[in-house]
Amino acid sequence: MSSFLSSLRDNRAFKTLHYRDFRTVSVCQIFGNLGFWMDELSRGWLIYQITNSMVQLGLARGIQFVPLLLFAPFAGTFADRYSRRTLLLFAQGMSALIFAVLAALIFARVVEPWHVYVAAVCSGLMQVIQQPARSSLVSDTVPPELLTNAIGLNSMIFNGARLIGPALAGAIIAWWDTGGAYAVQGVSLFIATVWALKLKPMKRDPAVMARARSEPYVQSILKGWKHAWGHPTVRAGLLCTTVVSMFVFPFTTMLPVFARDILNVGAGGQGMLLGAMGAGAVVSSIMITLFGHRWTRGKVMLDASLTYGLLVTALAFSPWYGMSLAVMVFVGLMHVHANALVHTVVQSYSDAEYRGRSMALFNMTQMLSTAGSMVIGLLAHAIGPRGAVAAMGLTGAAGIVLLILLMPAARKIK
């Protein structure tokens, strides 16, 4: 308690809010992430409602991330070569349009599975563009000594949206329809776009920009990857994210099945499950914001990832809804502990010249959940949803144990 009060007294956690452009980026995060997390529930519920297929559910979840795997390297290069403000404006505006079009198709009662897949791919492409730009803007708007706190606050915003977004989407679907949920998502992204207009163009080293633009794209991408992979600390973070993204996080693909067919709680219940995960994530974000600068990042990153995998395994066999909600709170806590610490490590140990490309590579490792979502859908079809979630969670936990054994120095990352 005394440590908590001390953190509040020195107010270190909130010094980043003194910076105007950081505040502007944060507001964009609020509305942009709200739309994103609503879509996490809306898309899965819509496709499962239309097709009643767990395989199609996995495909609808996974296909969104195909553009991320294919184009993320170029997006990182764009973020290092061009205006990050312009990239953010374009991507958020197009996301608003995509959600609005899908809402119109649902209201007109002409929506088909292929519409959902096309919208997912287009939405994924816009995320490819905005993610490295937005992540790099956070680093651009605060001094290096406040970066951990800035990432903690942004994680708090991200996970606050994770708490509110699915619950809001579930409530709108139960009260209205998926079309209403997509309409609200479109409005949310539109507000984020308008707010981004307030960002001042960032001043960046002209010599660095000229050098980046003079390099061929492929050479620039490979150079950025070599920089990231050649740094043992960044490499440890990327490997950790690879394991979690591929094997642990895809459990969320099966939540519509658990909500509708196993726990019998419907769309609103699924929203509450994701909301419980969001509640744990918010607690984690507050802890990171207040105390993250004191932690040994590597130890927390790896221990949280291991615990995350084991909790997902436990969730697979939860016998009732109340227990599932409780487990999801701790799942959210461990998810953000792991993800935010990797995020901080990659940003902190990457040179400014390569940061956009390093963050693009980080985003690519996260998007391996694409393959994981497709695998868990096929596994669920073969052995049932509970067995599929348990198998993936245990595999992820085993992967983290192997990483700890092979890279013992990773636990000592500051």
Protein backbone atom coordinates (compact mmCIF):
# COMPACT_ATOMS: atom_id res chain seq x y z
CA MET A 1 0.00 0.00 0.00
CA SER A 2 2.83 2.42 0.86
CA SER A 3 4.43 1.69 -2.51
CA PHE A 4 1.12 2.47 -4.23
CA LEU A 5 0.73 5.76 -2.38
CA SER A 6 4.33 6.68 -3.15
CA SER A 7 3.70 6.16 -6.87
CA LEU A 8 0.69 8.42 -6.70
CA ARG A 9 2.60 11.11 -4.80
CA ASP A 10 5.48 11.38 -7.27
CA ASN A 11 2.91 11.23 -10.10
CA ARG A 12 5.48 9.68 -12.46
CA ALA A 13 2.86 7.44 -14.01
CA PHE A 14 0.89 10.36 -15.41
CA LYS A 15 3.67 12.72 -16.53
CA THR A 16 3.18 11.54 -20.10
CA LEU A 17 -0.23 13.27 -20.13
CA HIS A 18 1.57 16.62 -19.94
CA TYR A 19 2.48 16.15 -23.62
CA ARG A 20 -0.27 17.43 -25.94
CA ASP A 21 0.40 15.11 -28.87
CA PHE A 22 0.53 12.08 -26.58
CA ARG A 23 -2.91 13.05 -25.27
CA THR A 24 -4.18 13.34 -28.85
CA VAL A 25 -2.79 9.91 -29.79
CA SER A 26 -4.41 8.51 -26.65
CA VAL A 27 -7.86 9.83 -27.60
CA CYS A 28 -7.43 8.26 -31.06
CA GLN A 29 -6.58 5.03 -29.25
CA ILE A 30 -9.77 5.21 -27.18
CA PHE A 31 -12.17 5.43 -30.13
CA GLY A 32 -10.09 3.32 -32.53
CA ASN A 33 -9.68 0.46 -30.07
CA LEU A 34 -13.34 0.62 -29.02
CA GLY A 35 -14.32 -0.10 -32.64
CA PHE A 36 -11.69 -2.83 -32.92
CA TRP A 37 -12.82 -4.67 -29.78
CA MET A 38 -16.47 -4.42 -30.72
CA ASP A 39 -15.54 -6.09 -34.02
CA GLU A 40 -13.88 -8.96 -32.14
CA LEU A 41 -17.32 -9.99 -30.94
CA SER A 42 -19.47 -8.75 -33.85
CA ARG A 43 -17.61 -10.57 -36.63
CA GLY A 44 -17.44 -13.92 -34.85
CA TRP A 45 -21.06 -13.78 -33.79
CA LEU A 46 -22.22 -12.75 -37.27
CA ILE A 47 -20.38 -15.51 -39.14
CA TYR A 48 -21.37 -18.19 -36.61
CA GLN A 49 -24.98 -17.00 -36.86
CA ILE A 50 -24.90 -17.20 -40.68
CA THR A 51 -22.99 -20.48 -41.10
CA ASN A 52 -23.25 -22.37 -37.77
CA SER A 53 -19.72 -23.68 -38.53
CA MET A 54 -16.73 -23.71 -36.16
CA VAL A 55 -14.38 -24.06 -39.14
CA GLN A 56 -15.88 -20.94 -40.74
CA LEU A 57 -15.62 -19.19 -37.37
CA GLY A 58 -11.89 -19.91 -37.27
CA LEU A 59 -11.53 -18.79 -40.89
CA ALA A 60 -13.38 -15.51 -40.25
CA ARG A 61 -11.07 -14.80 -37.33
CA GLY A 62 -7.90 -15.83 -39.11
CA ILE A 63 -8.47 -14.27 -42.52
CA GLN A 64 -8.35 -10.76 -41.07
CA PHE A 65 -4.70 -11.24 -40.26
CA VAL A 66 -3.56 -12.50 -43.66
CA PRO A 67 -2.86 -8.92 -44.84
CA LEU A 68 -0.89 -8.35 -41.66
CA LEU A 69 1.39 -11.27 -42.44
CA LEU A 70 1.80 -10.26 -46.09
CA PHE A 71 2.11 -6.48 -45.83
CA ALA A 72 3.32 -5.69 -42.30
CA PRO A 73 6.98 -5.43 -43.42
CA PHE A 74 6.04 -2.72 -45.93
CA ALA A 75 3.89 -0.92 -43.35
CA GLY A 76 6.85 -0.73 -40.98
CA THR A 77 8.94 0.76 -43.76
CA PHE A 78 6.18 3.26 -44.53
CA ALA A 79 6.13 4.30 -40.87
CA ASP A 80 9.88 4.98 -41.01
CA ARG A 81 9.75 6.78 -44.40
CA TYR A 82 6.54 8.82 -44.38
CA SER A 83 4.28 10.88 -42.13
CA ARG A 84 2.90 8.66 -39.38
CA ARG A 85 0.07 11.16 -38.87
CA THR A 86 -1.05 10.78 -42.50
CA LEU A 87 -0.91 7.00 -42.33
CA LEU A 88 -3.02 7.02 -39.17
CA LEU A 89 -5.62 9.35 -40.71
CA PHE A 90 -5.95 7.24 -43.86
CA ALA A 91 -6.20 3.88 -42.07
CA GLN A 92 -8.72 5.01 -39.45
CA GLY A 93 -10.90 6.75 -42.05
CA MET A 94 -10.98 3.67 -44.29
CA SER A 95 -11.80 1.43 -41.29
CA ALA A 96 -14.80 3.65 -40.52
CA LEU A 97 -15.99 3.26 -44.12
CA ILE A 98 -15.55 -0.54 -44.07
CA PHE A 99 -17.67 -0.91 -40.93
CA ALA A 100 -20.33 1.44 -42.32
CA VAL A 101 -20.65 -0.57 -45.55
CA LEU A 102 -20.97 -3.86 -43.66
CA ALA A 103 -23.63 -2.32 -41.38
CA ALA A 104 -25.60 -1.25 -44.48
CA LEU A 105 -25.44 -4.79 -45.92
CA ILE A 106 -26.72 -6.26 -42.65
CA PHE A 107 -29.56 -3.72 -42.39
CA ALA A 108 -30.52 -4.49 -45.99
CA ARG A 109 -30.58 -8.24 -45.10
CA VAL A 110 -28.30 -9.13 -48.00
CA VAL A 111 -25.14 -9.94 -46.03
CA GLU A 112 -23.38 -13.18 -46.97
CA PRO A 113 -20.28 -14.90 -45.56
CA TRP A 114 -18.06 -13.57 -48.35
CA HIS A 115 -19.01 -10.00 -47.38
CA VAL A 116 -17.73 -10.68 -43.86
CA TYR A 117 -14.49 -12.18 -45.21
CA VAL A 118 -13.86 -9.24 -47.56
CA ALA A 119 -14.55 -6.76 -44.77
CA ALA A 120 -12.21 -8.69 -42.46
CA VAL A 121 -9.40 -8.63 -45.03
CA CYS A 122 -9.85 -4.90 -45.74
CA SER A 123 -10.03 -4.12 -42.02
CA GLY A 124 -6.88 -6.17 -41.47
CA LEU A 125 -5.09 -4.22 -44.20
CA MET A 126 -5.97 -0.94 -42.49
CA GLN A 127 -4.64 -2.32 -39.21
CA VAL A 128 -1.40 -3.19 -40.99
CA ILE A 129 -0.99 0.47 -41.89
CA GLN A 130 -2.02 2.06 -38.62
CA GLN A 131 -0.41 -0.21 -36.01
CA PRO A 132 3.30 0.57 -36.59
CA ALA A 133 2.45 4.22 -37.26
CA ARG A 134 0.47 4.57 -34.03
CA SER A 135 3.03 2.63 -31.96
CA SER A 136 5.86 4.78 -33.31
CA LEU A 137 3.85 7.96 -32.60
CA VAL A 138 3.79 7.01 -28.93
CA SER A 139 7.59 6.96 -28.91
CA ASP A 140 7.70 10.21 -30.90
CA THR A 141 5.53 12.14 -28.45
CA VAL A 142 7.26 11.41 -25.10
CA PRO A 143 10.89 11.42 -23.91
CA PRO A 144 12.65 8.02 -23.65
CA GLU A 145 12.60 7.93 -19.84
CA LEU A 146 8.77 8.01 -19.88
CA LEU A 147 8.29 5.38 -22.58
CA THR A 148 7.38 2.53 -20.20
CA ASN A 149 4.75 4.72 -18.54
CA ALA A 150 3.43 5.89 -21.92
CA ILE A 151 3.05 2.28 -23.09
CA GLY A 152 1.41 1.43 -19.76
CA LEU A 153 -1.15 4.21 -20.18
CA ASN A 154 -1.81 3.22 -23.79
CA SER A 155 -2.22 -0.36 -22.64
CA MET A 156 -4.72 0.88 -20.06
CA ILE A 157 -6.68 2.61 -22.83
CA PHE A 158 -6.43 -0.44 -25.11
CA ASN A 159 -7.69 -2.74 -22.39
CA GLY A 160 -10.35 -0.33 -21.20
CA ALA A 161 -11.70 -0.61 -24.75
CA ARG A 162 -11.34 -4.38 -24.47
CA LEU A 163 -13.49 -4.23 -21.33
CA ILE A 164 -16.18 -1.95 -22.79
CA GLY A 165 -16.14 -2.89 -26.50
CA PRO A 166 -17.27 -6.54 -26.39
CA ALA A 167 -19.84 -5.86 -23.67
CA LEU A 168 -21.20 -2.96 -25.72
CA ALA A 169 -21.28 -5.04 -28.91
CA GLY A 170 -23.02 -7.91 -27.11
CA ALA A 171 -25.63 -5.55 -25.64
CA ILE A 172 -26.29 -3.89 -29.03
CA ILE A 173 -26.60 -7.26 -30.79
CA ALA A 174 -28.99 -8.56 -28.11
CA TRP A 175 -31.09 -5.37 -28.18
CA TRP A 176 -30.84 -4.52 -31.87
CA ASP A 177 -28.74 -6.53 -34.35
CA THR A 178 -25.17 -6.99 -35.58
CA GLY A 179 -25.90 -4.16 -38.03
CA GLY A 180 -26.31 -1.78 -35.09
CA ALA A 181 -23.00 -2.94 -33.63
CA TYR A 182 -21.21 -2.31 -36.93
CA ALA A 183 -22.83 1.12 -37.25
CA VAL A 184 -21.48 2.11 -33.82
CA GLN A 185 -18.05 0.74 -34.79
CA GLY A 186 -18.06 2.95 -37.88
CA VAL A 187 -18.95 6.03 -35.84
CA SER A 188 -16.22 5.25 -33.32
CA LEU A 189 -13.54 5.03 -36.03
CA PHE A 190 -14.85 8.21 -37.65
CA ILE A 191 -14.40 10.09 -34.35
CA ALA A 192 -10.85 8.70 -34.06
CA THR A 193 -10.10 9.97 -37.57
CA VAL A 194 -11.41 13.47 -36.89
CA TRP A 195 -9.46 13.65 -33.63
CA ALA A 196 -6.23 12.60 -35.38
CA LEU A 197 -6.43 15.83 -37.40
CA LYS A 198 -5.33 17.62 -34.22
CA LEU A 199 -1.92 15.90 -34.32
CA LYS A 200 0.92 18.22 -35.28
CA PRO A 201 3.27 16.88 -37.99
CA MET A 202 6.24 15.29 -36.18
CA LYS A 203 9.71 16.74 -36.72
CA ARG A 204 12.07 13.96 -37.72
CA ASP A 205 15.73 13.99 -38.73
CA PRO A 206 15.74 14.92 -42.47
CA ALA A 207 18.98 13.02 -43.06
CA VAL A 208 17.53 9.83 -41.56
CA MET A 209 14.31 10.24 -43.59
CA ALA A 210 16.25 10.84 -46.81
CA ARG A 211 18.45 7.80 -46.18
CA ALA A 212 15.40 5.62 -45.48
CA ARG A 213 13.62 6.77 -48.65
CA SER A 214 16.69 6.22 -50.82
CA GLU A 215 16.91 2.53 -49.95
CA PRO A 216 14.97 -0.03 -52.02
CA TYR A 217 11.97 -1.35 -50.08
CA VAL A 218 13.16 -4.93 -49.81
CA GLN A 219 16.63 -3.85 -48.70
CA SER A 220 15.10 -1.51 -46.14
CA ILE A 221 12.84 -4.25 -44.78
CA LEU A 222 15.67 -6.78 -44.53
CA LYS A 223 17.90 -4.23 -42.86
CA GLY A 224 15.22 -3.53 -40.24
CA TRP A 225 14.66 -7.22 -39.62
CA LYS A 226 18.40 -7.84 -39.31
CA HIS A 227 18.62 -5.05 -36.75
CA ALA A 228 15.72 -6.47 -34.69
CA TRP A 229 16.72 -10.13 -34.91
CA GLY A 230 20.39 -9.36 -34.33
CA HIS A 231 19.65 -7.81 -30.94
CA PRO A 232 19.33 -10.71 -28.43
CA THR A 233 16.95 -8.76 -26.19
CA VAL A 234 14.58 -7.84 -29.02
CA ARG A 235 14.84 -11.39 -30.36
CA ALA A 236 13.78 -12.85 -26.99
CA GLY A 237 10.74 -10.59 -26.94
CA LEU A 238 9.76 -11.53 -30.48
CA LEU A 239 10.08 -15.25 -29.76
CA CYS A 240 7.93 -14.90 -26.65
CA THR A 241 5.21 -13.12 -28.63
CA THR A 242 5.43 -15.74 -31.39
CA VAL A 243 4.62 -18.58 -28.98
CA VAL A 244 1.78 -16.74 -27.22
CA SER A 245 0.22 -15.50 -30.46
CA MET A 246 0.39 -18.84 -32.23
CA PHE A 247 -0.82 -21.12 -29.45
CA VAL A 248 -2.42 -19.23 -26.55
CA PHE A 249 -4.32 -16.17 -27.79
CA PRO A 250 -6.33 -18.07 -30.48
CA PHE A 251 -8.55 -19.49 -27.70
CA THR A 252 -10.69 -16.37 -28.17
CA THR A 253 -11.78 -17.76 -31.55
CA MET A 254 -13.83 -20.39 -29.71
CA LEU A 255 -15.64 -17.98 -27.40
CA PRO A 256 -18.81 -17.80 -29.54
CA VAL A 257 -19.01 -21.61 -29.36
CA PHE A 258 -18.47 -21.63 -25.58
CA ALA A 259 -21.01 -18.83 -25.08
CA ARG A 260 -23.76 -20.25 -27.28
CA ASP A 261 -23.35 -24.03 -27.15
CA ILE A 262 -21.49 -24.87 -23.91
CA LEU A 263 -22.29 -22.17 -21.35
CA ASN A 264 -25.63 -21.21 -22.95
CA VAL A 265 -25.25 -17.47 -22.30
CA GLY A 266 -25.64 -16.02 -25.81
CA ALA A 267 -24.02 -12.92 -27.34
CA GLY A 268 -24.42 -10.90 -24.14
CA GLY A 269 -22.65 -13.64 -22.19
CA GLN A 270 -19.79 -13.69 -24.68
CA GLY A 271 -19.51 -9.93 -24.27
CA MET A 272 -19.23 -10.42 -20.51
CA LEU A 273 -16.50 -13.04 -20.96
CA LEU A 274 -14.46 -10.65 -23.10
CA GLY A 275 -15.33 -7.88 -20.67
CA ALA A 276 -13.97 -9.95 -17.77
CA MET A 277 -10.76 -10.43 -19.74
CA GLY A 278 -10.74 -6.69 -20.31
CA ALA A 279 -11.18 -6.04 -16.57
CA GLY A 280 -8.09 -8.10 -15.80
CA ALA A 281 -6.27 -6.32 -18.60
CA VAL A 282 -7.15 -2.91 -17.11
CA VAL A 283 -5.80 -3.98 -13.71
CA SER A 284 -2.60 -5.15 -15.42
CA SER A 285 -2.28 -1.85 -17.28
CA ILE A 286 -2.63 0.13 -14.04
CA MET A 287 0.03 -2.05 -12.40
CA ILE A 288 2.40 -1.53 -15.34
CA THR A 289 1.79 2.22 -15.39
CA LEU A 290 2.48 2.61 -11.66
CA PHE A 291 5.16 -0.01 -11.05
CA GLY A 292 6.43 -1.23 -14.45
CA HIS A 293 9.59 0.90 -14.33
CA ARG A 294 10.69 -1.09 -11.24
CA TRP A 295 10.19 -4.56 -12.72
CA THR A 296 12.67 -6.92 -14.32
CA ARG A 297 10.93 -6.92 -17.69
CA GLY A 298 12.20 -10.28 -18.93
CA LYS A 299 11.11 -12.17 -15.81
CA VAL A 300 7.59 -10.70 -15.82
CA MET A 301 7.26 -11.17 -19.59
CA LEU A 302 8.13 -14.89 -19.51
CA ASP A 303 6.40 -15.81 -16.24
CA ALA A 304 3.19 -14.08 -17.35
CA SER A 305 3.28 -15.87 -20.73
CA LEU A 306 3.67 -19.26 -19.04
CA THR A 307 0.82 -18.56 -16.60
CA TYR A 308 -1.34 -17.32 -19.50
CA GLY A 309 -1.04 -20.68 -21.28
CA LEU A 310 -1.92 -22.61 -18.13
CA LEU A 311 -4.95 -20.41 -17.41
CA VAL A 312 -6.31 -20.92 -20.93
CA THR A 313 -5.97 -24.67 -20.37
CA ALA A 314 -7.95 -24.34 -17.14
CA LEU A 315 -10.62 -22.29 -18.93
CA ALA A 316 -11.19 -25.13 -21.38
CA PHE A 317 -12.53 -27.33 -18.57
CA SER A 318 -14.42 -24.69 -16.59
CA PRO A 319 -17.75 -26.32 -15.63
CA TRP A 320 -19.85 -23.18 -15.22
CA TYR A 321 -20.16 -19.58 -16.36
CA GLY A 322 -19.17 -17.89 -13.07
CA MET A 323 -15.89 -19.79 -12.95
CA SER A 324 -15.23 -18.95 -16.59
CA LEU A 325 -15.68 -15.24 -15.83
CA ALA A 326 -13.22 -15.47 -12.92
CA VAL A 327 -10.60 -17.29 -15.01
CA MET A 328 -11.00 -14.73 -17.80
CA VAL A 329 -10.09 -11.91 -15.40
CA PHE A 330 -6.73 -13.56 -14.70
CA VAL A 331 -6.29 -14.45 -18.38
CA GLY A 332 -6.59 -10.74 -19.18
CA LEU A 333 -4.12 -9.85 -16.44
CA MET A 334 -1.47 -12.25 -17.74
CA HIS A 335 -2.10 -11.40 -21.38
CA VAL A 336 -1.32 -7.72 -20.84
CA HIS A 337 1.58 -8.37 -18.47
CA ALA A 338 3.19 -10.43 -21.25
CA ASN A 339 2.23 -8.29 -24.23
CA ALA A 340 2.99 -4.86 -22.75
CA LEU A 341 6.39 -5.93 -21.46
CA VAL A 342 7.37 -7.38 -24.86
CA HIS A 343 6.10 -4.18 -26.48
CA THR A 344 8.26 -2.08 -24.16
CA VAL A 345 11.33 -4.26 -24.70
CA VAL A 346 11.06 -4.10 -28.51
CA GLN A 347 10.55 -0.31 -28.52
CA SER A 348 13.19 0.43 -25.88
CA TYR A 349 15.96 -1.64 -27.44
CA SER A 350 15.31 -0.67 -31.08
CA ASP A 351 17.12 2.33 -32.55
CA ALA A 352 14.80 5.21 -33.53
CA GLU A 353 15.79 4.79 -37.19
CA TYR A 354 14.48 1.21 -37.20
CA ARG A 355 11.64 1.47 -34.69
CA GLY A 356 8.82 1.39 -37.25
CA ARG A 357 10.20 -1.76 -38.85
CA SER A 358 10.85 -3.37 -35.45
CA MET A 359 7.26 -2.68 -34.41
CA ALA A 360 6.03 -4.06 -37.73
CA LEU A 361 7.94 -7.27 -37.02
CA PHE A 362 6.45 -7.33 -33.52
CA ASN A 363 2.97 -6.94 -35.05
CA MET A 364 3.72 -9.74 -37.51
CA THR A 365 4.57 -12.13 -34.68
CA GLN A 366 1.29 -11.19 -33.01
CA MET A 367 -0.56 -11.91 -36.21
CA LEU A 368 0.56 -15.52 -36.15
CA SER A 369 -2.70 -15.86 -34.26
CA THR A 370 -4.07 -16.07 -37.82
CA ALA A 371 -2.63 -19.54 -38.23
CA GLY A 372 -3.53 -20.37 -34.65
CA SER A 373 -7.16 -19.40 -35.20
CA MET A 374 -7.41 -21.63 -38.25
CA VAL A 375 -5.71 -24.52 -36.43
CA ILE A 376 -7.98 -24.25 -33.40
CA GLY A 377 -11.04 -24.20 -35.66
CA LEU A 378 -9.92 -27.44 -37.33
CA LEU A 379 -9.00 -28.99 -33.97
CA ALA A 380 -12.40 -28.09 -32.54
CA HIS A 381 -14.07 -29.78 -35.50
CA ALA A 382 -11.98 -32.92 -34.86
CA ILE A 383 -11.84 -33.18 -31.04
CA GLY A 384 -14.35 -30.61 -29.79
CA PRO A 385 -13.91 -27.02 -28.59
CA ARG A 386 -12.80 -27.89 -25.04
CA GLY A 387 -10.08 -30.26 -26.24
CA ALA A 388 -8.89 -27.79 -28.87
CA VAL A 389 -8.52 -24.92 -26.40
CA ALA A 390 -6.75 -27.15 -23.86
CA ALA A 391 -4.32 -28.53 -26.45
CA MET A 392 -3.37 -25.07 -27.69
CA GLY A 393 -2.94 -23.66 -24.18
CA LEU A 394 -0.67 -26.52 -23.06
CA THR A 395 1.41 -26.26 -26.24
CA GLY A 396 1.92 -22.54 -25.63
CA ALA A 397 2.97 -23.10 -22.01
CA ALA A 398 5.44 -25.79 -23.13
CA GLY A 399 6.86 -23.40 -25.73
CA ILE A 400 7.55 -20.73 -23.09
CA VAL A 401 9.27 -23.31 -20.85
CA LEU A 402 11.49 -24.26 -23.79
CA LEU A 403 12.30 -20.59 -24.44
CA ILE A 404 13.29 -20.09 -20.78
CA LEU A 405 15.59 -23.14 -20.94
CA LEU A 406 17.22 -22.12 -24.24
CA MET A 407 17.56 -18.39 -23.44
CA PRO A 408 18.09 -18.09 -19.66
CA ALA A 409 19.44 -14.55 -20.05
CA ALA A 410 16.01 -13.42 -21.25
CA ARG A 411 14.66 -13.49 -17.69
CA LYS A 412 17.23 -10.84 -16.72
CA ILE A 413 16.17 -8.23 -19.29
CA LYS A 414 15.78 -4.88 -17.53
